[in-house]
Protein backbone atom coordinates (compact mmCIF):
# COMPACT_ATOMS: atom_id res chain seq x y z
CA MET A 1 15.03 9.81 21.11
CA ALA A 2 11.08 11.46 21.51
CA GLU A 3 8.70 11.09 24.38
CA GLU A 4 6.40 7.72 24.10
CA SER A 5 3.22 10.52 23.43
CA GLU A 6 5.32 11.50 20.10
CA LEU A 7 6.07 8.39 18.95
CA ASP A 8 3.94 7.42 16.27
CA GLN A 9 2.50 3.55 15.98
CA VAL A 10 5.41 2.19 13.94
CA GLU A 11 7.69 3.08 16.42
CA LYS A 12 5.53 2.04 19.63
CA ALA A 13 5.14 -1.14 17.77
CA SER A 14 8.48 -1.50 17.57
CA LEU A 15 9.09 -0.90 21.41
CA PHE A 16 6.66 -3.22 22.14
CA LEU A 17 7.95 -5.99 20.12
CA LEU A 18 11.57 -5.07 21.94
CA THR A 19 9.82 -6.00 25.21
CA LEU A 20 8.79 -9.39 24.20
CA GLY A 21 11.71 -11.12 23.67
CA GLN A 22 13.62 -12.23 20.86
CA ASP A 23 11.38 -15.80 20.56
CA ARG A 24 8.02 -13.77 20.97
CA ALA A 25 8.88 -10.87 19.02
CA ALA A 26 10.30 -13.62 16.40
CA SER A 27 6.52 -15.20 16.67
CA VAL A 28 5.19 -11.94 15.60
CA LEU A 29 6.98 -10.87 12.99
CA LYS A 30 6.77 -14.08 10.89
CA ASN A 31 2.88 -13.23 10.23
CA MET A 32 4.02 -9.56 8.72
CA GLY A 33 5.11 -9.35 5.40
CA PRO A 34 8.24 -8.46 4.42
CA LYS A 35 7.24 -5.07 3.91
CA GLU A 36 5.99 -5.01 7.79
CA VAL A 37 9.26 -6.98 8.53
CA HIS A 38 11.52 -3.97 7.50
CA LEU A 39 10.19 -1.39 8.34
CA ILE A 40 9.65 -2.74 11.86
CA GLY A 41 13.35 -4.42 12.09
CA THR A 42 14.84 -0.42 10.89
CA THR A 43 12.81 0.98 13.29
CA MET A 44 13.86 -0.90 16.56
CA ALA A 45 17.37 -0.43 15.29
CA GLY A 46 16.75 2.90 15.23
CA LEU A 47 15.43 3.46 18.59
CA THR A 48 18.10 4.85 21.04
CA ASN A 49 17.66 6.27 24.70
CA ILE A 50 14.33 4.40 25.46
CA SER A 51 13.35 5.37 29.18
CA ASN A 52 10.99 2.75 31.73
CA GLU A 53 8.53 5.49 31.53
CA MET A 54 8.33 5.10 27.86
CA VAL A 55 8.26 1.11 27.98
CA ASP A 56 5.34 1.82 30.89
CA GLU A 57 3.37 3.77 28.86
CA VAL A 58 3.58 1.72 25.45
CA LEU A 59 2.73 -1.35 27.47
CA GLU A 60 -0.22 0.26 29.23
CA GLU A 61 -1.54 1.45 25.98
CA PHE A 62 -1.33 -1.85 24.58
CA ILE A 63 -2.80 -3.92 27.26
CA VAL A 64 -5.75 -0.96 27.18
CA THR A 65 -6.09 -1.43 23.38
CA ILE A 66 -6.71 -5.42 23.75
CA LYS A 67 -8.70 -5.13 25.98
CA SER A 68 -11.20 -3.24 24.00
CA GLN A 69 -10.54 -5.00 20.92
CA THR A 70 -10.06 -8.48 21.35
CA ALA A 71 -11.72 -11.16 19.90
CA LEU A 72 -11.07 -13.32 22.62
CA GLY A 73 -13.67 -16.18 22.60
CA VAL A 74 -16.02 -14.86 19.40
CA ASP A 75 -17.19 -16.06 16.49
CA SER A 76 -13.65 -15.09 14.50
CA ASP A 77 -14.93 -14.74 10.66
CA ALA A 78 -18.03 -12.32 12.11
CA TYR A 79 -15.52 -10.46 13.98
CA ILE A 80 -13.02 -9.88 10.98
CA ARG A 81 -15.97 -9.23 8.84
CA ASP A 82 -17.46 -6.54 10.99
CA MET A 83 -14.48 -4.91 12.07
CA LEU A 84 -13.85 -4.48 8.47
CA THR A 85 -16.75 -3.45 7.38
CA ASN A 86 -17.36 -0.54 10.23
CA ALA A 87 -14.07 0.37 9.18
CA LEU A 88 -14.04 0.35 5.25
CA GLY A 89 -17.59 0.45 4.59
CA ALA A 90 -19.52 -2.48 3.21
CA ASP A 91 -18.22 -2.44 -0.30
CA LYS A 92 -14.91 -1.81 0.13
CA ALA A 93 -14.83 -4.30 3.03
CA GLY A 94 -15.91 -7.26 0.87
CA THR A 95 -13.16 -7.41 -1.47
CA VAL A 96 -10.50 -7.32 1.83
CA ILE A 97 -12.92 -10.04 3.10
CA ASP A 98 -13.03 -12.37 0.45
CA ARG A 99 -8.88 -12.42 0.44
CA ILE A 100 -8.50 -12.34 4.33
CA LEU A 101 -10.75 -15.39 4.97
CA LEU A 102 -10.51 -17.15 1.63
CA GLY A 103 -6.89 -16.94 1.23
CA ARG A 104 -5.93 -17.08 5.72
CA ASP A 105 -4.21 -20.61 5.25
CA SER A 106 -2.68 -19.78 1.79
CA LYS A 107 1.25 -19.67 1.93
CA GLY A 108 2.38 -19.73 -1.91
CA ILE A 109 0.91 -16.15 -2.22
CA ASP A 110 2.89 -14.67 0.79
CA GLN A 111 5.95 -16.39 -0.57
CA LEU A 112 6.00 -15.14 -3.85
CA LYS A 113 6.26 -11.34 -1.87
CA TRP A 114 9.02 -12.12 -0.06
CA MET A 115 10.77 -13.03 -3.87
CA ASP A 116 12.48 -10.80 -5.74
CA ALA A 117 10.47 -8.81 -8.56
CA ARG A 118 12.42 -10.33 -11.37
CA ALA A 119 12.52 -13.88 -9.80
CA ILE A 120 8.86 -14.03 -9.94
CA ALA A 121 9.17 -12.12 -13.40
CA ASP A 122 11.05 -15.25 -14.75
CA LEU A 123 8.90 -17.65 -12.73
CA VAL A 124 5.58 -16.60 -14.70
CA ARG A 125 7.10 -15.29 -17.46
CA LEU A 126 6.06 -18.33 -19.49
CA GLU A 127 2.39 -18.76 -17.70
CA HIS A 128 -0.96 -18.57 -19.64
CA PRO A 129 -1.28 -15.03 -19.33
CA GLN A 130 -4.96 -15.39 -16.94
CA ILE A 131 -2.46 -16.98 -14.40
CA VAL A 132 -0.27 -13.92 -14.29
CA ALA A 133 -3.19 -11.53 -14.44
CA ILE A 134 -3.72 -13.14 -11.47
CA ILE A 135 -1.15 -13.87 -9.41
CA LEU A 136 -0.51 -9.80 -10.74
CA SER A 137 -4.05 -8.55 -8.56
CA LEU A 138 -2.76 -10.91 -5.48
CA LEU A 139 0.53 -9.04 -4.77
CA ASP A 140 0.99 -5.21 -3.51
CA PRO A 141 0.53 -2.78 -6.26
CA ASP A 142 4.51 -1.75 -6.09
CA GLN A 143 5.54 -5.47 -6.32
CA SER A 144 3.14 -5.95 -9.40
CA ALA A 145 4.23 -2.78 -11.43
CA GLU A 146 7.99 -3.79 -10.62
CA VAL A 147 7.30 -7.49 -11.83
CA LEU A 148 4.98 -6.07 -15.36
CA SER A 149 7.52 -3.69 -15.88
CA LEU A 150 10.43 -6.46 -15.79
CA LEU A 151 8.13 -9.19 -18.65
CA PRO A 152 8.33 -8.55 -22.22
CA GLU A 153 7.06 -5.34 -23.55
CA ASN A 154 4.49 -7.16 -25.83
CA MET A 155 3.11 -8.97 -22.64
CA ARG A 156 1.94 -5.76 -20.28
CA SER A 157 -0.92 -4.05 -22.21
CA ASP A 158 -2.82 -8.01 -22.39
CA LEU A 159 -1.70 -7.99 -18.75
CA LEU A 160 -3.38 -4.72 -17.39
CA MET A 161 -6.13 -5.25 -19.58
CA ARG A 162 -6.85 -9.13 -17.86
CA VAL A 163 -6.37 -7.45 -14.35
CA ALA A 164 -8.84 -4.56 -15.04
CA THR A 165 -11.67 -6.76 -16.15
CA LEU A 166 -11.11 -9.93 -14.00
CA GLU A 167 -13.92 -9.76 -12.09
CA GLY A 168 -13.46 -12.64 -9.73
CA VAL A 169 -11.88 -16.37 -9.31
CA GLN A 170 -13.33 -19.16 -8.36
CA PRO A 171 -11.40 -21.09 -5.42
CA ALA A 172 -11.44 -24.12 -7.75
CA ALA A 173 -9.36 -21.83 -10.14
CA LEU A 174 -7.14 -20.79 -7.40
CA ARG A 175 -6.41 -24.68 -6.65
CA GLU A 176 -5.64 -25.07 -10.02
CA LEU A 177 -3.29 -22.18 -10.19
CA ASP A 178 -1.64 -23.78 -6.75
CA GLU A 179 -0.98 -27.15 -8.70
CA ILE A 180 0.49 -25.05 -11.59
CA MET A 181 3.10 -23.21 -9.08
CA GLU A 182 3.66 -26.08 -7.14
CA LYS A 183 2.27 -23.37 -4.34
CA GLN A 184 -0.87 -23.46 -1.78
CA LEU A 185 -2.80 -20.00 -2.31
CA THR A 186 -6.35 -20.93 -1.05
CA GLY A 187 -7.51 -23.39 1.80
CA GLY A 188 -11.68 -21.95 1.71
CA ASP A 189 -14.46 -24.43 -0.15
CA ASN A 190 -17.15 -22.31 -0.66
CA THR A 191 -18.14 -21.51 -3.89
CA GLN A 192 -18.05 -17.56 -3.59
CA ALA A 193 -15.85 -16.24 -5.93
CA SER A 194 -12.74 -14.42 -4.85
CA ALA A 195 -13.08 -11.04 -5.35
CA ILE A 196 -8.95 -9.96 -7.22
CA GLY A 197 -8.57 -7.84 -9.98
CA GLY A 198 -10.46 -5.33 -11.09
CA ILE A 199 -10.09 -1.66 -12.47
CA ASP A 200 -9.02 -0.89 -9.34
CA THR A 201 -6.10 -2.55 -9.15
CA ALA A 202 -5.04 -2.15 -12.61
CA ALA A 203 -4.87 1.40 -11.98
CA ASN A 204 -2.88 0.77 -8.36
CA ILE A 205 -0.37 -1.40 -10.40
CA LEU A 206 -0.25 1.54 -13.13
CA ASN A 207 0.75 4.20 -9.95
CA PHE A 208 3.74 2.59 -9.44
CA ILE A 209 5.40 1.75 -13.33
CA ASP A 210 7.39 4.05 -14.42
CA GLY A 211 6.42 6.97 -16.42
CA ALA A 212 7.55 6.11 -19.71
CA ILE A 213 6.17 2.38 -19.48
CA SER A 214 2.78 3.17 -18.16
CA GLU A 215 1.89 6.31 -20.48
CA VAL A 216 2.73 3.69 -23.10
CA MET A 217 0.63 0.90 -22.08
CA MET A 218 -1.77 3.05 -21.26
CA GLU A 219 -1.81 4.00 -25.30
CA GLU A 220 -1.89 0.25 -26.03
CA VAL A 221 -4.89 -0.44 -24.03
CA GLY A 222 -6.69 2.71 -25.61
CA GLU A 223 -6.20 1.67 -29.40
CA ASN A 224 -7.66 -2.01 -28.11
CA ASN A 225 -10.10 -0.59 -25.53
CA ALA A 226 -10.76 3.08 -25.37
CA GLU A 227 -13.51 2.66 -22.84
CA LEU A 228 -11.35 0.59 -20.29
CA SER A 229 -8.56 2.60 -20.81
CA GLN A 230 -10.83 5.91 -19.27
CA LYS A 231 -12.29 3.77 -16.75
CA ILE A 232 -8.43 3.11 -15.63
CA GLN A 233 -7.25 6.69 -15.81
CA ASP A 234 -10.54 7.74 -13.97
CA LYS A 235 -9.44 5.70 -11.10
CA MET A 236 -5.42 6.79 -11.54
CA PHE A 237 -4.05 8.87 -8.83
CA VAL A 238 -0.82 10.97 -8.98
CA PHE A 239 1.44 13.58 -7.35
CA ALA A 240 -0.54 16.32 -8.40
CA ASP A 241 -4.02 14.96 -7.07
CA LEU A 242 -2.87 15.24 -3.76
CA ILE A 243 -3.97 19.13 -4.08
CA GLU A 244 -7.54 17.86 -4.36
CA VAL A 245 -6.90 16.32 -0.59
CA ASP A 246 -8.48 18.12 2.04
CA ASP A 247 -6.42 19.90 5.16
CA ARG A 248 -7.08 17.65 7.01
CA GLY A 249 -5.36 14.60 5.09
CA ILE A 250 -2.66 16.59 3.75
CA GLN A 251 -1.62 17.45 7.51
CA THR A 252 -1.96 13.90 8.42
CA LEU A 253 -0.03 13.38 5.09
CA MET A 254 2.81 15.73 6.42
CA ARG A 255 3.63 13.84 9.09
CA GLU A 256 4.50 10.38 7.77
CA ILE A 257 6.66 11.80 5.36
CA SER A 258 10.23 13.16 5.79
CA THR A 259 11.55 16.59 4.96
CA ASP A 260 13.73 15.51 2.39
CA GLN A 261 11.37 13.19 0.77
CA LEU A 262 9.36 16.25 -0.17
CA LEU A 263 12.39 18.60 -0.98
CA LEU A 264 12.64 16.19 -3.44
CA ALA A 265 8.84 15.32 -4.67
CA LEU A 266 8.39 19.33 -4.96
CA ARG A 267 10.65 19.91 -7.77
CA GLY A 268 8.84 21.19 -11.07
CA VAL A 269 5.73 20.64 -9.52
CA GLU A 270 2.54 23.19 -9.86
CA ASP A 271 2.63 25.89 -7.80
CA GLY A 272 -0.62 25.01 -6.85
CA LEU A 273 0.06 21.60 -5.22
CA LYS A 274 2.98 23.50 -3.83
CA GLU A 275 0.86 26.94 -2.30
CA LYS A 276 -1.55 23.58 -0.77
CA ILE A 277 1.96 22.06 1.29
CA PHE A 278 2.76 25.66 2.12
CA GLY A 279 -0.13 26.34 3.81
CA ASN A 280 -0.47 23.04 6.02
CA MET A 281 2.72 23.98 7.59
CA SER A 282 4.08 25.82 10.43
CA LYS A 283 4.79 29.38 8.75
CA ARG A 284 8.80 29.15 10.20
CA ALA A 285 8.36 25.58 8.25
CA ALA A 286 6.45 26.82 5.20
CA GLU A 287 9.66 29.35 4.44
CA MET A 288 12.49 26.97 4.89
CA LEU A 289 10.94 24.56 2.84
CA ARG A 290 11.03 26.96 0.23
CA ASP A 291 14.20 28.54 0.58
CA ASP A 292 15.37 24.60 0.75
CA LEU A 293 13.45 24.62 -2.88
CA GLU A 294 15.23 27.61 -4.32
CA ALA A 295 18.76 26.49 -3.21
CA ALA A 296 18.48 22.80 -4.22
CA PRO A 297 20.73 21.78 -7.12
CA PRO A 298 19.25 20.17 -10.22
CA THR A 299 18.11 16.17 -9.29
CA LYS A 300 17.63 13.44 -11.68
CA LEU A 301 13.92 12.94 -13.03
CA SER A 302 13.98 9.39 -11.91
CA GLU A 303 14.78 10.46 -8.38
CA VAL A 304 11.79 13.00 -8.34
CA GLU A 305 9.61 10.43 -9.40
CA GLN A 306 10.29 7.69 -6.83
CA ALA A 307 10.13 10.34 -3.87
CA GLN A 308 6.45 10.79 -5.66
CA LYS A 309 5.77 7.82 -5.69
CA ASP A 310 6.87 6.43 -2.02
CA ILE A 311 4.67 9.59 -0.82
CA LEU A 312 1.87 8.55 -2.77
CA SER A 313 2.24 4.62 -1.01
CA ILE A 314 1.76 6.58 2.14
CA ALA A 315 -0.95 8.45 1.21
CA ARG A 316 -2.46 5.54 -0.09
CA LYS A 317 -2.33 2.71 2.76
CA LEU A 318 -3.52 6.34 5.23
CA ALA A 319 -6.62 6.02 3.20
CA ASP A 320 -6.92 2.54 3.57
CA ALA A 321 -6.71 2.46 6.55
CA GLY A 322 -9.65 5.25 6.47
CA GLU A 323 -7.32 8.25 7.64
CA ILE A 324 -7.42 10.57 4.50
CA ALA A 325 -9.40 10.13 1.62
CA LEU A 326 -7.72 10.97 -1.49
CA GLY A 327 -9.66 13.10 -3.71
CA SER A 328 -11.55 14.33 -1.74
CA GLY A 329 -11.61 17.53 -4.12
CA GLY A 330 -12.15 19.43 -0.58
CA GLY A 331 -15.58 18.37 0.85
CA ASP A 332 -16.46 18.30 4.21
CA GLU A 333 -14.09 17.81 6.87
CA LEU A 334 -13.84 15.34 9.80
CA VAL A 335 -14.74 17.31 13.53
């Protein structure tokens, strides 16, 4: 087990929850999504050789963080808006804020996130395409991609276009969706539209869809609306685009992925990207990775694509957290 200073944030969170006791830890986990629960649970199960000093340091860090960041005693809406705006910038924060504040009392969408993709596909298959597009916009991109790939082929490109052209949904429309799905999706009564859907959402969903399916869908979208197709393609970020991430961003990403993931994902990629990766590793680690790539046996393309998607998912989360910039083109680095 690594020393506390070497633990990543997930390990620290997992260690902290272990100190709370079952009931309190369960109360915390109830407020997390399925992916977070799975990640935390898996990490907790893997924690071994925990010393009293490690526990003390994690608890001390938590207390210091809470003292400097707690919102107790202030208006929570204002705190959330200011916090997210400072973290993400006004434009990007606007979408996140709307979804949090308009949907904070919702339970339906959270229940959907726990459901199997096939069950969601069966649930929405006969609904109006615009309703399905709204639901896809509210789910996480990878889950939406899986649902979309399970829907009939003749529906996919139309749904993607609807997601891409979705500019907002009024709370009244979301309440109507509540009735249709017999779930509660929003608790807000103000008249401001919830900023869901759009080009970015469509591109993110498409990033998680199998390459062959994605290509067919984009061809069909292009036939119907060439301008929209180009806008979606411009927003898509694929594995090869990691070459545009600056060195600091690559180093941050490398700390979050395993060597096995990287070894699998680098199969068949352009030499330029490989050199970018090698250049941000220690000389010894780079040499070992080169040797492993040369000695590795043939691998299924589907496994390589999945490894690349997993790494891209991590990269997007880091980008959303402001830790790296995707598509930075080697611009100014942070100092």
